[in-house]
Amino acid sequence: MKNFSKEEYTKYEIARILGARALQISANAPILLKLTKEQLEEMHYDAIKIAEAELEAGILPITIKRPMPKKTGPSPEFKEVVEKEEPPIPKKEDKPVEPPEEPVEE
């Protein structure tokens, strides 16, 4: 098994892995890492610390599935909008703006 690196998992995935493994350890699951009695006493027999040690050693048989988005074409609504597109509005020519003519009073 390869060693654990923080680049592989997000902090949320790490929290989920440690929580799941600590729950297993607290339910008397066998500890996968060979620890001496002194090491366990140093960890205060804490299930989370034991799970962290197992994760850092890279011996946990837990995998993460990351669902990827499905590749689909544009939605039908998008096609309708593209088909109904109106022709572009012609641009006005850049002419100097002249003031409107004032009506002549008689």
Protein backbone atom coordinates (compact mmCIF):
# COMPACT_ATOMS: atom_id res chain seq x y z
CA MET A 1 0.00 0.00 0.00
CA LYS A 2 1.15 3.52 -0.63
CA ASN A 3 1.52 6.08 2.11
CA PHE A 4 -1.18 8.62 2.80
CA SER A 5 -0.77 12.15 1.46
CA LYS A 6 -3.02 15.11 2.11
CA GLU A 7 -3.19 15.93 -1.61
CA GLU A 8 -5.18 12.73 -2.27
CA TYR A 9 -8.19 13.60 -0.12
CA THR A 10 -10.12 16.71 0.82
CA LYS A 11 -10.43 17.62 4.48
CA TYR A 12 -14.04 16.41 4.37
CA GLU A 13 -13.02 13.02 3.00
CA ILE A 14 -10.33 12.70 5.68
CA ALA A 15 -12.88 13.53 8.38
CA ARG A 16 -15.29 10.94 6.99
CA ILE A 17 -12.60 8.24 6.77
CA LEU A 18 -11.32 8.90 10.29
CA GLY A 19 -14.82 8.99 11.73
CA ALA A 20 -15.83 5.73 10.06
CA ARG A 21 -12.65 3.95 11.10
CA ALA A 22 -12.80 5.29 14.69
CA LEU A 23 -16.37 3.98 14.94
CA GLN A 24 -15.19 0.56 13.80
CA ILE A 25 -12.33 0.57 16.33
CA SER A 26 -14.67 1.62 19.15
CA ALA A 27 -16.92 -1.32 18.19
CA ASN A 28 -13.97 -3.69 18.84
CA ALA A 29 -12.79 -4.05 15.24
CA PRO A 30 -9.21 -5.30 15.03
CA ILE A 31 -6.53 -2.61 14.85
CA LEU A 32 -4.74 -2.97 11.51
CA LEU A 33 -1.53 -1.28 12.67
CA LYS A 34 0.81 -3.15 14.99
CA LEU A 35 1.12 -0.92 18.04
CA THR A 36 2.87 -1.66 21.30
CA LYS A 37 1.13 -1.28 24.61
CA GLU A 38 3.25 1.83 25.28
CA GLN A 39 2.12 3.41 22.01
CA LEU A 40 -1.52 2.69 22.80
CA GLU A 41 -1.12 4.19 26.28
CA GLU A 42 0.55 7.24 24.73
CA MET A 43 -2.53 7.61 22.48
CA HIS A 44 -4.74 7.07 25.58
CA TYR A 45 -6.45 4.27 23.66
CA ASP A 46 -8.24 6.99 21.65
CA ALA A 47 -9.98 5.48 18.60
CA ILE A 48 -9.53 8.65 16.53
CA LYS A 49 -5.78 8.79 17.19
CA ILE A 50 -5.46 5.12 16.28
CA ALA A 51 -7.46 5.74 13.08
CA GLU A 52 -5.17 8.70 12.24
CA ALA A 53 -2.11 6.48 12.69
CA GLU A 54 -3.65 3.84 10.40
CA LEU A 55 -4.51 6.45 7.77
CA GLU A 56 -1.01 7.94 7.85
CA ALA A 57 0.47 4.46 7.47
CA GLY A 58 -1.74 3.92 4.40
CA ILE A 59 -3.17 0.57 5.51
CA LEU A 60 -6.87 1.42 5.64
CA PRO A 61 -9.02 -0.61 3.25
CA ILE A 62 -11.38 2.34 2.74
CA THR A 63 -11.84 3.88 -0.69
CA ILE A 64 -13.43 7.14 -1.79
CA LYS A 65 -15.73 7.24 -4.80
CA ARG A 66 -15.97 10.64 -6.43
CA PRO A 67 -18.89 10.74 -8.85
CA MET A 68 -18.09 12.59 -12.04
CA PRO A 69 -20.73 14.53 -13.95
CA LYS A 70 -22.23 12.73 -16.91
CA LYS A 71 -21.37 14.07 -20.32
CA THR A 72 -24.55 15.15 -22.04
CA GLY A 73 -25.28 17.45 -24.91
CA PRO A 74 -27.01 20.78 -24.59
CA SER A 75 -30.50 20.68 -23.14
CA PRO A 76 -33.51 20.86 -25.51
CA GLU A 77 -34.42 24.26 -24.08
CA PHE A 78 -31.02 25.54 -25.11
CA LYS A 79 -31.53 24.28 -28.68
CA GLU A 80 -34.88 26.05 -28.91
CA VAL A 81 -33.36 29.32 -27.77
CA VAL A 82 -30.57 29.03 -30.33
CA GLU A 83 -33.02 28.25 -33.14
CA LYS A 84 -35.33 31.14 -32.25
CA GLU A 85 -32.53 33.65 -32.13
CA GLU A 86 -33.40 36.87 -33.95
CA PRO A 87 -31.10 38.48 -36.49
CA PRO A 88 -28.71 41.03 -35.05
CA ILE A 89 -29.83 44.64 -34.88
CA PRO A 90 -27.95 46.79 -37.44
CA LYS A 91 -25.54 49.25 -35.91
CA LYS A 92 -26.17 52.94 -36.27
CA GLU A 93 -23.57 54.80 -38.21
CA ASP A 94 -21.47 57.19 -36.24
CA LYS A 95 -22.81 60.57 -37.40
CA PRO A 96 -22.56 63.75 -35.44
CA VAL A 97 -25.74 64.45 -33.58
CA GLU A 98 -27.49 67.57 -34.83
CA PRO A 99 -30.01 69.39 -32.70
CA PRO A 100 -33.60 69.06 -33.88
CA GLU A 101 -34.95 71.89 -35.99
CA GLU A 102 -37.15 74.32 -34.14
CA PRO A 103 -40.54 74.96 -35.68
CA VAL A 104 -40.94 78.41 -37.18
CA GLU A 105 -43.84 80.39 -35.79
CA GLU A 106 -45.76 82.63 -38.14
